[in-house]
Amino acid sequence: MALTGTPLLTLISTVLLALFGRRRLPWLRTLLSMELNTQFTTAELDEVDLRIIELVTEGCANKDIALRVFLSCQTVRNRLTRIFDITGAGNRTQLAVMWLQAAR
């Protein structure tokens, strides 16, 4: 079975459903029905913001991100809030999906 051309969101949702099942992922339905803005601009984001997005996409927690970019946990939280505002992402999962789609 070839996966070429399969939308990234479809692949991610299929893997999550296989791992956790429908009952454990009620938010997935919301994510799948949502129109994601993949055209966000990085013009308002600096290098640290972009690194934070990469680490969020890798699944790192705020504490791990803070250690890797040499910031306090509170600063990471503040930057993530700003990143969510700039990108229009509502949460870390949306941000990761948007980042991965923009990278394609």
N, C-alpha and C. Protein backbone atom coordinates (compact mmCIF):
# COMPACT_ATOMS: atom_id res chain seq x y z
N MET A 1 0.84 -1.17 0.00
CA MET A 1 0.00 0.00 0.00
C MET A 1 0.89 1.24 0.00
N ALA A 2 0.71 2.12 -0.96
CA ALA A 2 1.51 3.35 -1.07
C ALA A 2 0.86 4.47 -0.26
N LEU A 3 1.68 5.18 0.49
CA LEU A 3 1.19 6.29 1.29
C LEU A 3 1.46 7.63 0.64
N THR A 4 2.12 7.62 -0.50
CA THR A 4 2.41 8.85 -1.22
C THR A 4 1.12 9.56 -1.57
N GLY A 5 1.05 10.83 -1.24
CA GLY A 5 -0.14 11.61 -1.54
C GLY A 5 -1.18 11.59 -0.45
N THR A 6 -0.99 10.76 0.57
CA THR A 6 -1.93 10.73 1.69
C THR A 6 -1.70 11.96 2.56
N PRO A 7 -2.76 12.71 2.88
CA PRO A 7 -2.59 13.90 3.70
C PRO A 7 -1.97 13.55 5.06
N LEU A 8 -1.08 14.44 5.51
CA LEU A 8 -0.36 14.21 6.76
C LEU A 8 -1.32 14.05 7.93
N LEU A 9 -2.36 14.87 7.98
CA LEU A 9 -3.32 14.79 9.07
C LEU A 9 -4.01 13.44 9.11
N THR A 10 -4.28 12.86 7.96
CA THR A 10 -4.88 11.53 7.89
C THR A 10 -3.93 10.48 8.44
N LEU A 11 -2.67 10.58 8.09
CA LEU A 11 -1.68 9.63 8.60
C LEU A 11 -1.55 9.73 10.11
N ILE A 12 -1.44 10.95 10.61
CA ILE A 12 -1.29 11.15 12.05
C ILE A 12 -2.51 10.62 12.80
N SER A 13 -3.69 10.95 12.33
CA SER A 13 -4.91 10.52 13.02
C SER A 13 -5.04 9.00 12.99
N THR A 14 -4.66 8.36 11.90
CA THR A 14 -4.74 6.90 11.81
C THR A 14 -3.80 6.24 12.82
N VAL A 15 -2.58 6.78 12.93
CA VAL A 15 -1.63 6.23 13.89
C VAL A 15 -2.13 6.43 15.32
N LEU A 16 -2.64 7.61 15.63
CA LEU A 16 -3.14 7.88 16.98
C LEU A 16 -4.32 6.98 17.33
N LEU A 17 -5.23 6.80 16.38
CA LEU A 17 -6.37 5.93 16.63
C LEU A 17 -5.93 4.48 16.83
N ALA A 18 -4.94 4.06 16.07
CA ALA A 18 -4.44 2.69 16.22
C ALA A 18 -3.78 2.50 17.58
N LEU A 19 -3.07 3.51 18.04
CA LEU A 19 -2.39 3.40 19.33
C LEU A 19 -3.33 3.50 20.52
N PHE A 20 -4.28 4.43 20.48
CA PHE A 20 -5.07 4.74 21.66
C PHE A 20 -6.55 4.41 21.56
N GLY A 21 -7.07 4.22 20.38
CA GLY A 21 -8.49 3.93 20.21
C GLY A 21 -9.33 5.20 20.25
N ARG A 22 -10.56 5.09 19.77
CA ARG A 22 -11.44 6.26 19.66
C ARG A 22 -11.87 6.82 21.01
N ARG A 23 -12.08 5.99 21.98
CA ARG A 23 -12.57 6.46 23.27
C ARG A 23 -11.57 7.33 24.01
N ARG A 24 -10.30 7.09 23.80
CA ARG A 24 -9.28 7.86 24.50
C ARG A 24 -8.90 9.14 23.80
N LEU A 25 -9.40 9.37 22.60
CA LEU A 25 -9.03 10.55 21.84
C LEU A 25 -10.25 11.37 21.38
N PRO A 26 -11.05 11.87 22.32
CA PRO A 26 -12.22 12.64 21.90
C PRO A 26 -11.84 13.93 21.18
N TRP A 27 -10.66 14.46 21.46
CA TRP A 27 -10.22 15.70 20.82
C TRP A 27 -9.83 15.49 19.36
N LEU A 28 -9.62 14.24 18.97
CA LEU A 28 -9.18 13.97 17.60
C LEU A 28 -10.27 14.34 16.60
N ARG A 29 -11.51 14.10 16.95
CA ARG A 29 -12.61 14.46 16.06
C ARG A 29 -12.60 15.97 15.80
N THR A 30 -12.35 16.75 16.84
CA THR A 30 -12.28 18.20 16.70
C THR A 30 -11.11 18.58 15.80
N LEU A 31 -9.98 17.95 16.02
CA LEU A 31 -8.80 18.24 15.21
C LEU A 31 -9.04 17.93 13.74
N LEU A 32 -9.68 16.81 13.47
CA LEU A 32 -9.90 16.40 12.09
C LEU A 32 -10.92 17.29 11.38
N SER A 33 -11.87 17.84 12.13
CA SER A 33 -12.90 18.67 11.52
C SER A 33 -12.46 20.12 11.38
N MET A 34 -11.32 20.45 11.95
CA MET A 34 -10.84 21.81 11.98
C MET A 34 -10.06 22.15 10.71
N GLU A 35 -10.23 23.35 10.24
CA GLU A 35 -9.45 23.83 9.11
C GLU A 35 -8.16 24.41 9.66
N LEU A 36 -7.04 23.77 9.36
CA LEU A 36 -5.78 24.24 9.89
C LEU A 36 -5.14 25.25 8.94
N ASN A 37 -4.64 26.31 9.52
CA ASN A 37 -3.97 27.34 8.74
C ASN A 37 -2.51 26.95 8.57
N THR A 38 -2.15 26.42 7.43
CA THR A 38 -0.78 25.97 7.21
C THR A 38 0.05 27.06 6.54
N GLN A 39 -0.55 28.21 6.30
CA GLN A 39 0.16 29.28 5.61
C GLN A 39 0.69 30.34 6.57
N PHE A 40 0.91 29.98 7.83
CA PHE A 40 1.41 30.99 8.76
C PHE A 40 2.81 31.42 8.37
N THR A 41 3.09 32.64 8.68
CA THR A 41 4.39 33.21 8.32
C THR A 41 5.35 33.12 9.50
N THR A 42 6.59 32.90 9.21
CA THR A 42 7.60 32.85 10.27
C THR A 42 8.27 34.20 10.44
N ALA A 43 7.79 35.23 9.72
CA ALA A 43 8.41 36.55 9.78
C ALA A 43 8.39 37.12 11.20
N GLU A 44 7.34 36.84 11.96
CA GLU A 44 7.22 37.37 13.31
C GLU A 44 7.88 36.48 14.36
N LEU A 45 8.43 35.36 13.94
CA LEU A 45 9.06 34.41 14.86
C LEU A 45 10.57 34.50 14.75
N ASP A 46 11.25 34.54 15.90
CA ASP A 46 12.71 34.57 15.86
C ASP A 46 13.25 33.13 15.91
N GLU A 47 14.57 33.01 15.92
CA GLU A 47 15.20 31.69 15.88
C GLU A 47 14.84 30.84 17.09
N VAL A 48 14.71 31.45 18.26
CA VAL A 48 14.34 30.71 19.47
C VAL A 48 12.92 30.18 19.34
N ASP A 49 12.00 31.01 18.81
CA ASP A 49 10.62 30.57 18.60
C ASP A 49 10.57 29.36 17.66
N LEU A 50 11.34 29.43 16.59
CA LEU A 50 11.35 28.32 15.63
C LEU A 50 11.93 27.05 16.26
N ARG A 51 12.95 27.21 17.09
CA ARG A 51 13.52 26.04 17.79
C ARG A 51 12.50 25.46 18.76
N ILE A 52 11.76 26.34 19.45
CA ILE A 52 10.71 25.86 20.37
C ILE A 52 9.66 25.08 19.60
N ILE A 53 9.26 25.56 18.44
CA ILE A 53 8.28 24.85 17.62
C ILE A 53 8.82 23.48 17.22
N GLU A 54 10.08 23.42 16.82
CA GLU A 54 10.69 22.13 16.46
C GLU A 54 10.65 21.16 17.64
N LEU A 55 10.96 21.66 18.84
CA LEU A 55 10.98 20.79 20.03
C LEU A 55 9.56 20.36 20.42
N VAL A 56 8.59 21.24 20.26
CA VAL A 56 7.19 20.86 20.50
C VAL A 56 6.80 19.75 19.53
N THR A 57 7.21 19.90 18.28
CA THR A 57 6.90 18.90 17.26
C THR A 57 7.54 17.55 17.59
N GLU A 58 8.69 17.57 18.25
CA GLU A 58 9.35 16.34 18.68
C GLU A 58 8.69 15.74 19.92
N GLY A 59 7.76 16.47 20.54
CA GLY A 59 7.05 15.96 21.71
C GLY A 59 7.65 16.36 23.04
N CYS A 60 8.55 17.32 23.04
CA CYS A 60 9.20 17.74 24.29
C CYS A 60 8.24 18.54 25.18
N ALA A 61 8.36 18.34 26.47
CA ALA A 61 7.60 19.12 27.46
C ALA A 61 8.30 20.46 27.67
N ASN A 62 7.59 21.41 28.26
CA ASN A 62 8.15 22.74 28.48
C ASN A 62 9.47 22.69 29.24
N LYS A 63 9.56 21.83 30.25
CA LYS A 63 10.78 21.72 31.05
C LYS A 63 11.96 21.29 30.18
N ASP A 64 11.73 20.31 29.31
CA ASP A 64 12.79 19.83 28.41
C ASP A 64 13.19 20.92 27.41
N ILE A 65 12.18 21.64 26.91
CA ILE A 65 12.46 22.73 25.98
C ILE A 65 13.32 23.79 26.67
N ALA A 66 12.93 24.14 27.90
CA ALA A 66 13.67 25.16 28.65
C ALA A 66 15.13 24.77 28.82
N LEU A 67 15.38 23.51 29.11
CA LEU A 67 16.76 23.05 29.27
C LEU A 67 17.54 23.13 27.96
N ARG A 68 16.89 22.83 26.87
CA ARG A 68 17.59 22.79 25.57
C ARG A 68 17.87 24.18 24.99
N VAL A 69 16.98 25.15 25.28
CA VAL A 69 17.18 26.49 24.72
C VAL A 69 17.65 27.49 25.77
N PHE A 70 17.97 26.98 26.95
CA PHE A 70 18.53 27.80 28.03
C PHE A 70 17.62 28.96 28.44
N LEU A 71 16.34 28.64 28.65
CA LEU A 71 15.35 29.60 29.13
C LEU A 71 14.66 29.01 30.35
N SER A 72 13.95 29.85 31.10
CA SER A 72 13.15 29.33 32.21
C SER A 72 11.87 28.71 31.66
N CYS A 73 11.24 27.86 32.45
CA CYS A 73 9.97 27.23 32.04
C CYS A 73 8.91 28.29 31.78
N GLN A 74 8.89 29.33 32.61
CA GLN A 74 7.90 30.41 32.44
C GLN A 74 8.12 31.15 31.11
N THR A 75 9.37 31.38 30.75
CA THR A 75 9.65 32.04 29.48
C THR A 75 9.21 31.16 28.31
N VAL A 76 9.42 29.87 28.43
CA VAL A 76 8.96 28.95 27.38
C VAL A 76 7.44 29.02 27.27
N ARG A 77 6.74 29.01 28.40
CA ARG A 77 5.27 29.13 28.38
C ARG A 77 4.84 30.43 27.70
N ASN A 78 5.50 31.53 28.08
CA ASN A 78 5.16 32.82 27.48
C ASN A 78 5.40 32.83 25.98
N ARG A 79 6.52 32.27 25.57
CA ARG A 79 6.82 32.22 24.14
C ARG A 79 5.83 31.33 23.39
N LEU A 80 5.44 30.21 24.00
CA LEU A 80 4.45 29.34 23.34
C LEU A 80 3.12 30.06 23.18
N THR A 81 2.72 30.81 24.18
CA THR A 81 1.47 31.58 24.07
C THR A 81 1.56 32.55 22.90
N ARG A 82 2.68 33.24 22.78
CA ARG A 82 2.90 34.17 21.68
C ARG A 82 2.92 33.43 20.34
N ILE A 83 3.57 32.28 20.30
CA ILE A 83 3.63 31.47 19.08
C ILE A 83 2.22 31.03 18.67
N PHE A 84 1.41 30.60 19.64
CA PHE A 84 0.02 30.21 19.34
C PHE A 84 -0.75 31.38 18.75
N ASP A 85 -0.55 32.57 19.31
CA ASP A 85 -1.24 33.76 18.79
C ASP A 85 -0.82 34.08 17.36
N ILE A 86 0.46 34.00 17.09
CA ILE A 86 0.98 34.31 15.75
C ILE A 86 0.53 33.29 14.72
N THR A 87 0.60 32.01 15.07
CA THR A 87 0.31 30.95 14.10
C THR A 87 -1.18 30.62 14.00
N GLY A 88 -1.93 30.98 15.03
CA GLY A 88 -3.35 30.62 15.04
C GLY A 88 -3.60 29.22 15.56
N ALA A 89 -2.56 28.55 16.03
CA ALA A 89 -2.72 27.21 16.59
C ALA A 89 -3.40 27.32 17.95
N GLY A 90 -4.28 26.37 18.23
CA GLY A 90 -4.99 26.37 19.50
C GLY A 90 -4.30 25.54 20.58
N ASN A 91 -3.39 24.66 20.15
CA ASN A 91 -2.70 23.81 21.11
C ASN A 91 -1.43 23.25 20.46
N ARG A 92 -0.69 22.49 21.24
CA ARG A 92 0.59 21.95 20.77
C ARG A 92 0.44 21.01 19.58
N THR A 93 -0.62 20.22 19.60
CA THR A 93 -0.85 19.27 18.51
C THR A 93 -1.09 20.00 17.20
N GLN A 94 -1.93 21.03 17.24
CA GLN A 94 -2.19 21.81 16.04
C GLN A 94 -0.92 22.48 15.55
N LEU A 95 -0.14 23.01 16.48
CA LEU A 95 1.11 23.65 16.12
C LEU A 95 2.05 22.66 15.42
N ALA A 96 2.16 21.47 15.96
CA ALA A 96 3.03 20.45 15.37
C ALA A 96 2.55 20.06 13.97
N VAL A 97 1.25 19.88 13.81
CA VAL A 97 0.70 19.52 12.50
C VAL A 97 0.95 20.65 11.50
N MET A 98 0.72 21.89 11.94
CA MET A 98 0.95 23.04 11.05
C MET A 98 2.43 23.12 10.64
N TRP A 99 3.31 22.90 11.60
CA TRP A 99 4.75 22.97 11.33
C TRP A 99 5.16 21.89 10.33
N LEU A 100 4.67 20.68 10.55
CA LEU A 100 5.03 19.58 9.65
C LEU A 100 4.46 19.80 8.25
N GLN A 101 3.26 20.34 8.16
CA GLN A 101 2.68 20.61 6.84
C GLN A 101 3.41 21.73 6.13
N ALA A 102 3.82 22.74 6.89
CA ALA A 102 4.55 23.86 6.30
C ALA A 102 5.93 23.43 5.82
N ALA A 103 6.49 22.41 6.46
CA ALA A 103 7.82 21.91 6.10
C ALA A 103 7.79 21.12 4.80
N ARG A 104 6.63 20.65 4.36
CA ARG A 104 6.53 19.85 3.15
C ARG A 104 6.74 20.67 1.93
